[in-house]
Amino acid sequence: MHKEGEIAEGYQALKIGFKWVNDLRDNFIDELPLLNSLYNIVFNHCNPVEELKEFVQRMKKKFKSF
């Protein structure tokens, strides 16, 4: 691990994950809709029932296009 530049186990994965999340910032709702819904419920104090309805509608649209 040390030869490859890892300081601790998983360090490289964290570096890759950080870059991925940073690149994902613009498409967060499209790429991670469930996480976005949970974020809205917990941190934005959205109504869970309404957020679930919106999530289902987003999933219907997404899978309709396949």
PDB file of N, CA and C in Angstrom:
ATOM      1  N   MET A   1       0.822  -1.192   0.000  1.00  0.00           N
ATOM      2  CA  MET A   1       0.000   0.000   0.000  1.00  0.00           C
ATOM      3  C   MET A   1       0.870   1.262   0.000  1.00  0.00           C
ATOM      4  N   HIS A   2       1.904   1.245   0.798  1.00  0.00           N
ATOM      5  CA  HIS A   2       2.727   2.444   0.932  1.00  0.00           C
ATOM      6  C   HIS A   2       3.400   2.807  -0.393  1.00  0.00           C
ATOM      7  N   LYS A   3       3.818   1.796  -1.160  1.00  0.00           N
ATOM      8  CA  LYS A   3       4.462   2.049  -2.447  1.00  0.00           C
ATOM      9  C   LYS A   3       3.532   2.784  -3.403  1.00  0.00           C
ATOM     10  N   GLU A   4       2.250   2.504  -3.307  1.00  0.00           N
ATOM     11  CA  GLU A   4       1.266   3.109  -4.208  1.00  0.00           C
ATOM     12  C   GLU A   4       0.771   4.462  -3.709  1.00  0.00           C
ATOM     13  N   GLY A   5       1.303   4.928  -2.598  1.00  0.00           N
ATOM     14  CA  GLY A   5       0.930   6.243  -2.101  1.00  0.00           C
ATOM     15  C   GLY A   5      -0.214   6.238  -1.109  1.00  0.00           C
ATOM     16  N   GLU A   6      -0.644   5.046  -0.702  1.00  0.00           N
ATOM     17  CA  GLU A   6      -1.736   4.998   0.270  1.00  0.00           C
ATOM     18  C   GLU A   6      -1.194   5.250   1.666  1.00  0.00           C
ATOM     19  N   ILE A   7      -1.831   6.128   2.367  1.00  0.00           N
ATOM     20  CA  ILE A   7      -1.458   6.411   3.748  1.00  0.00           C
ATOM     21  C   ILE A   7      -2.174   5.437   4.673  1.00  0.00           C
ATOM     22  N   ALA A   8      -3.396   5.135   4.346  1.00  0.00           N
ATOM     23  CA  ALA A   8      -4.191   4.200   5.138  1.00  0.00           C
ATOM     24  C   ALA A   8      -5.067   3.406   4.180  1.00  0.00           C
ATOM     25  N   GLU A   9      -5.587   2.311   4.651  1.00  0.00           N
ATOM     26  CA  GLU A   9      -6.442   1.476   3.818  1.00  0.00           C
ATOM     27  C   GLU A   9      -7.649   2.275   3.333  1.00  0.00           C
ATOM     28  N   GLY A  10      -7.886   2.233   2.059  1.00  0.00           N
ATOM     29  CA  GLY A  10      -9.035   2.925   1.497  1.00  0.00           C
ATOM     30  C   GLY A  10      -8.754   4.355   1.070  1.00  0.00           C
ATOM     31  N   TYR A  11      -7.544   4.825   1.270  1.00  0.00           N
ATOM     32  CA  TYR A  11      -7.219   6.210   0.930  1.00  0.00           C
ATOM     33  C   TYR A  11      -7.411   6.474  -0.559  1.00  0.00           C
ATOM     34  N   GLN A  12      -6.952   5.541  -1.394  1.00  0.00           N
ATOM     35  CA  GLN A  12      -7.115   5.713  -2.845  1.00  0.00           C
ATOM     36  C   GLN A  12      -8.590   5.730  -3.224  1.00  0.00           C
ATOM     37  N   ALA A  13      -9.375   4.872  -2.588  1.00  0.00           N
ATOM     38  CA  ALA A  13     -10.817   4.851  -2.862  1.00  0.00           C
ATOM     39  C   ALA A  13     -11.457   6.180  -2.479  1.00  0.00           C
ATOM     40  N   LEU A  14     -11.029   6.762  -1.382  1.00  0.00           N
ATOM     41  CA  LEU A  14     -11.549   8.070  -0.976  1.00  0.00           C
ATOM     42  C   LEU A  14     -11.182   9.149  -1.990  1.00  0.00           C
ATOM     43  N   LYS A  15      -9.954   9.099  -2.506  1.00  0.00           N
ATOM     44  CA  LYS A  15      -9.544  10.077  -3.511  1.00  0.00           C
ATOM     45  C   LYS A  15     -10.398   9.947  -4.770  1.00  0.00           C
ATOM     46  N   ILE A  16     -10.629   8.717  -5.211  1.00  0.00           N
ATOM     47  CA  ILE A  16     -11.458   8.485  -6.398  1.00  0.00           C
ATOM     48  C   ILE A  16     -12.894   8.898  -6.120  1.00  0.00           C
ATOM     49  N   GLY A  17     -13.404   8.531  -4.950  1.00  0.00           N
ATOM     50  CA  GLY A  17     -14.776   8.885  -4.577  1.00  0.00           C
ATOM     51  C   GLY A  17     -14.974  10.383  -4.494  1.00  0.00           C
ATOM     52  N   PHE A  18     -13.998  11.094  -3.961  1.00  0.00           N
ATOM     53  CA  PHE A  18     -14.097  12.551  -3.862  1.00  0.00           C
ATOM     54  C   PHE A  18     -14.190  13.177  -5.244  1.00  0.00           C
ATOM     55  N   LYS A  19     -13.352  12.697  -6.172  1.00  0.00           N
ATOM     56  CA  LYS A  19     -13.390  13.230  -7.539  1.00  0.00           C
ATOM     57  C   LYS A  19     -14.746  12.935  -8.176  1.00  0.00           C
ATOM     58  N   TRP A  20     -15.263  11.717  -7.985  1.00  0.00           N
ATOM     59  CA  TRP A  20     -16.553  11.329  -8.563  1.00  0.00           C
ATOM     60  C   TRP A  20     -17.673  12.210  -8.016  1.00  0.00           C
ATOM     61  N   VAL A  21     -17.712  12.403  -6.713  1.00  0.00           N
ATOM     62  CA  VAL A  21     -18.757  13.233  -6.109  1.00  0.00           C
ATOM     63  C   VAL A  21     -18.615  14.681  -6.565  1.00  0.00           C
ATOM     64  N   ASN A  22     -17.395  15.157  -6.669  1.00  0.00           N
ATOM     65  CA  ASN A  22     -17.173  16.528  -7.125  1.00  0.00           C
ATOM     66  C   ASN A  22     -17.668  16.710  -8.563  1.00  0.00           C
ATOM     67  N   ASP A  23     -17.426  15.715  -9.425  1.00  0.00           N
ATOM     68  CA  ASP A  23     -17.905  15.768 -10.810  1.00  0.00           C
ATOM     69  C   ASP A  23     -19.412  15.601 -10.888  1.00  0.00           C
ATOM     70  N   LEU A  24     -19.984  14.930  -9.920  1.00  0.00           N
ATOM     71  CA  LEU A  24     -21.409  14.615  -9.905  1.00  0.00           C
ATOM     72  C   LEU A  24     -22.258  15.798  -9.457  1.00  0.00           C
ATOM     73  N   ARG A  25     -21.650  16.782  -8.890  1.00  0.00           N
ATOM     74  CA  ARG A  25     -22.359  17.899  -8.267  1.00  0.00           C
ATOM     75  C   ARG A  25     -23.477  18.461  -9.145  1.00  0.00           C
ATOM     76  N   ASP A  26     -23.248  18.611 -10.438  1.00  0.00           N
ATOM     77  CA  ASP A  26     -24.250  19.199 -11.322  1.00  0.00           C
ATOM     78  C   ASP A  26     -25.412  18.255 -11.613  1.00  0.00           C
ATOM     79  N   ASN A  27     -25.183  16.948 -11.559  1.00  0.00           N
ATOM     80  CA  ASN A  27     -26.210  15.956 -11.894  1.00  0.00           C
ATOM     81  C   ASN A  27     -26.666  15.163 -10.681  1.00  0.00           C
ATOM     82  N   PHE A  28     -26.567  15.745  -9.517  1.00  0.00           N
ATOM     83  CA  PHE A  28     -26.844  15.021  -8.279  1.00  0.00           C
ATOM     84  C   PHE A  28     -28.244  14.410  -8.260  1.00  0.00           C
ATOM     85  N   ILE A  29     -29.247  15.173  -8.658  1.00  0.00           N
ATOM     86  CA  ILE A  29     -30.627  14.690  -8.612  1.00  0.00           C
ATOM     87  C   ILE A  29     -30.821  13.537  -9.589  1.00  0.00           C
ATOM     88  N   ASP A  30     -30.224  13.630 -10.772  1.00  0.00           N
ATOM     89  CA  ASP A  30     -30.379  12.575 -11.773  1.00  0.00           C
ATOM     90  C   ASP A  30     -29.633  11.304 -11.398  1.00  0.00           C
ATOM     91  N   GLU A  31     -28.446  11.442 -10.843  1.00  0.00           N
ATOM     92  CA  GLU A  31     -27.605  10.281 -10.566  1.00  0.00           C
ATOM     93  C   GLU A  31     -27.945   9.573  -9.252  1.00  0.00           C
ATOM     94  N   LEU A  32     -28.350  10.321  -8.246  1.00  0.00           N
ATOM     95  CA  LEU A  32     -28.624   9.739  -6.928  1.00  0.00           C
ATOM     96  C   LEU A  32     -29.970  10.232  -6.401  1.00  0.00           C
ATOM     97  N   PRO A  33     -31.069   9.866  -7.053  1.00  0.00           N
ATOM     98  CA  PRO A  33     -32.366  10.428  -6.675  1.00  0.00           C
ATOM     99  C   PRO A  33     -32.835  10.041  -5.273  1.00  0.00           C
ATOM    100  N   LEU A  34     -32.551   8.822  -4.837  1.00  0.00           N
ATOM    101  CA  LEU A  34     -32.982   8.422  -3.497  1.00  0.00           C
ATOM    102  C   LEU A  34     -32.220   9.206  -2.434  1.00  0.00           C
ATOM    103  N   LEU A  35     -30.926   9.352  -2.622  1.00  0.00           N
ATOM    104  CA  LEU A  35     -30.132  10.127  -1.674  1.00  0.00           C
ATOM    105  C   LEU A  35     -30.591  11.581  -1.656  1.00  0.00           C
ATOM    106  N   ASN A  36     -30.930  12.110  -2.812  1.00  0.00           N
ATOM    107  CA  ASN A  36     -31.436  13.476  -2.889  1.00  0.00           C
ATOM    108  C   ASN A  36     -32.749  13.607  -2.121  1.00  0.00           C
ATOM    109  N   SER A  37     -33.635  12.628  -2.253  1.00  0.00           N
ATOM    110  CA  SER A  37     -34.909  12.668  -1.524  1.00  0.00           C
ATOM    111  C   SER A  37     -34.685  12.602  -0.019  1.00  0.00           C
ATOM    112  N   LEU A  38     -33.798  11.722   0.411  1.00  0.00           N
ATOM    113  CA  LEU A  38     -33.495  11.617   1.842  1.00  0.00           C
ATOM    114  C   LEU A  38     -32.884  12.917   2.366  1.00  0.00           C
ATOM    115  N   TYR A  39     -32.017  13.516   1.580  1.00  0.00           N
ATOM    116  CA  TYR A  39     -31.418  14.799   1.964  1.00  0.00           C
ATOM    117  C   TYR A  39     -32.505  15.859   2.147  1.00  0.00           C
ATOM    118  N   ASN A  40     -33.451  15.905   1.206  1.00  0.00           N
ATOM    119  CA  ASN A  40     -34.537  16.883   1.302  1.00  0.00           C
ATOM    120  C   ASN A  40     -35.389  16.664   2.548  1.00  0.00           C
ATOM    121  N   ILE A  41     -35.651  15.423   2.882  1.00  0.00           N
ATOM    122  CA  ILE A  41     -36.477  15.117   4.054  1.00  0.00           C
ATOM    123  C   ILE A  41     -35.746  15.492   5.343  1.00  0.00           C
ATOM    124  N   VAL A  42     -34.489  15.082   5.449  1.00  0.00           N
ATOM    125  CA  VAL A  42     -33.750  15.273   6.695  1.00  0.00           C
ATOM    126  C   VAL A  42     -33.284  16.719   6.879  1.00  0.00           C
ATOM    127  N   PHE A  43     -32.688  17.294   5.855  1.00  0.00           N
ATOM    128  CA  PHE A  43     -32.050  18.603   6.023  1.00  0.00           C
ATOM    129  C   PHE A  43     -32.905  19.779   5.566  1.00  0.00           C
ATOM    130  N   ASN A  44     -33.783  19.551   4.617  1.00  0.00           N
ATOM    131  CA  ASN A  44     -34.632  20.643   4.131  1.00  0.00           C
ATOM    132  C   ASN A  44     -36.038  20.574   4.711  1.00  0.00           C
ATOM    133  N   HIS A  45     -36.262  19.603   5.590  1.00  0.00           N
ATOM    134  CA  HIS A  45     -37.533  19.436   6.301  1.00  0.00           C
ATOM    135  C   HIS A  45     -38.728  19.338   5.350  1.00  0.00           C
ATOM    136  N   CYS A  46     -38.516  18.631   4.230  1.00  0.00           N
ATOM    137  CA  CYS A  46     -39.614  18.413   3.286  1.00  0.00           C
ATOM    138  C   CYS A  46     -40.566  17.363   3.842  1.00  0.00           C
ATOM    139  N   ASN A  47     -41.794  17.426   3.401  1.00  0.00           N
ATOM    140  CA  ASN A  47     -42.800  16.447   3.789  1.00  0.00           C
ATOM    141  C   ASN A  47     -42.401  15.092   3.198  1.00  0.00           C
ATOM    142  N   PRO A  48     -42.204  14.061   4.023  1.00  0.00           N
ATOM    143  CA  PRO A  48     -41.772  12.758   3.516  1.00  0.00           C
ATOM    144  C   PRO A  48     -42.730  12.148   2.493  1.00  0.00           C
ATOM    145  N   VAL A  49     -44.022  12.310   2.698  1.00  0.00           N
ATOM    146  CA  VAL A  49     -44.997  11.735   1.767  1.00  0.00           C
ATOM    147  C   VAL A  49     -44.875  12.414   0.401  1.00  0.00           C
ATOM    148  N   GLU A  50     -44.786  13.726   0.401  1.00  0.00           N
ATOM    149  CA  GLU A  50     -44.658  14.460  -0.864  1.00  0.00           C
ATOM    150  C   GLU A  50     -43.329  14.144  -1.550  1.00  0.00           C
ATOM    151  N   GLU A  51     -42.290  14.026  -0.758  1.00  0.00           N
ATOM    152  CA  GLU A  51     -40.978  13.711  -1.326  1.00  0.00           C
ATOM    153  C   GLU A  51     -40.977  12.312  -1.935  1.00  0.00           C
ATOM    154  N   LEU A  52     -41.652  11.375  -1.291  1.00  0.00           N
ATOM    155  CA  LEU A  52     -41.762  10.020  -1.834  1.00  0.00           C
ATOM    156  C   LEU A  52     -42.535  10.029  -3.151  1.00  0.00           C
ATOM    157  N   LYS A  53     -43.599  10.801  -3.213  1.00  0.00           N
ATOM    158  CA  LYS A  53     -44.369  10.909  -4.458  1.00  0.00           C
ATOM    159  C   LYS A  53     -43.495  11.466  -5.586  1.00  0.00           C
ATOM    160  N   GLU A  54     -42.730  12.498  -5.283  1.00  0.00           N
ATOM    161  CA  GLU A  54     -41.837  13.079  -6.291  1.00  0.00           C
ATOM    162  C   GLU A  54     -40.768  12.081  -6.725  1.00  0.00           C
ATOM    163  N   PHE A  55     -40.246  11.319  -5.765  1.00  0.00           N
ATOM    164  CA  PHE A  55     -39.245  10.303  -6.084  1.00  0.00           C
ATOM    165  C   PHE A  55     -39.821   9.264  -7.038  1.00  0.00           C
ATOM    166  N   VAL A  56     -41.022   8.795  -6.755  1.00  0.00           N
ATOM    167  CA  VAL A  56     -41.667   7.797  -7.616  1.00  0.00           C
ATOM    168  C   VAL A  56     -41.874   8.367  -9.018  1.00  0.00           C
ATOM    169  N   GLN A  57     -42.288   9.614  -9.116  1.00  0.00           N
ATOM    170  CA  GLN A  57     -42.481  10.243 -10.427  1.00  0.00           C
ATOM    171  C   GLN A  57     -41.155  10.346 -11.193  1.00  0.00           C
ATOM    172  N   ARG A  58     -40.083  10.694 -10.487  1.00  0.00           N
ATOM    173  CA  ARG A  58     -38.770  10.763 -11.147  1.00  0.00           C
ATOM    174  C   ARG A  58     -38.344   9.394 -11.652  1.00  0.00           C
ATOM    175  N   MET A  59     -38.617   8.355 -10.870  1.00  0.00           N
ATOM    176  CA  MET A  59     -38.245   7.007 -11.286  1.00  0.00           C
ATOM    177  C   MET A  59     -39.075   6.553 -12.486  1.00  0.00           C
ATOM    178  N   LYS A  60     -40.341   6.895 -12.491  1.00  0.00           N
ATOM    179  CA  LYS A  60     -41.188   6.541 -13.637  1.00  0.00           C
ATOM    180  C   LYS A  60     -40.654   7.181 -14.911  1.00  0.00           C
ATOM    181  N   LYS A  61     -40.291   8.454 -14.829  1.00  0.00           N
ATOM    182  CA  LYS A  61     -39.748   9.150 -16.002  1.00  0.00           C
ATOM    183  C   LYS A  61     -38.437   8.521 -16.452  1.00  0.00           C
ATOM    184  N   LYS A  62     -37.580   8.220 -15.485  1.00  0.00           N
ATOM    185  CA  LYS A  62     -36.260   7.681 -15.813  1.00  0.00           C
ATOM    186  C   LYS A  62     -36.370   6.317 -16.479  1.00  0.00           C
ATOM    187  N   PHE A  63     -37.200   5.445 -15.945  1.00  0.00           N
ATOM    188  CA  PHE A  63     -37.291   4.096 -16.492  1.00  0.00           C
ATOM    189  C   PHE A  63     -38.208   4.016 -17.702  1.00  0.00           C
ATOM    190  N   LYS A  64     -39.012   5.022 -17.911  1.00  0.00           N
ATOM    191  CA  LYS A  64     -39.849   5.078 -19.106  1.00  0.00           C
ATOM    192  C   LYS A  64     -38.983   5.304 -20.341  1.00  0.00           C
ATOM    193  N   SER A  65     -37.879   5.983 -20.161  1.00  0.00           N
ATOM    194  CA  SER A  65     -37.008   6.309 -21.286  1.00  0.00           C
ATOM    195  C   SER A  65     -36.157   5.129 -21.745  1.00  0.00           C
ATOM    196  N   PHE A  66     -36.125   4.025 -21.012  1.00  0.00           N
ATOM    197  CA  PHE A  66     -35.324   2.860 -21.418  1.00  0.00           C
ATOM    198  C   PHE A  66     -35.994   2.081 -22.488  1.00  0.00           C
TER     199      PHE A  66
END
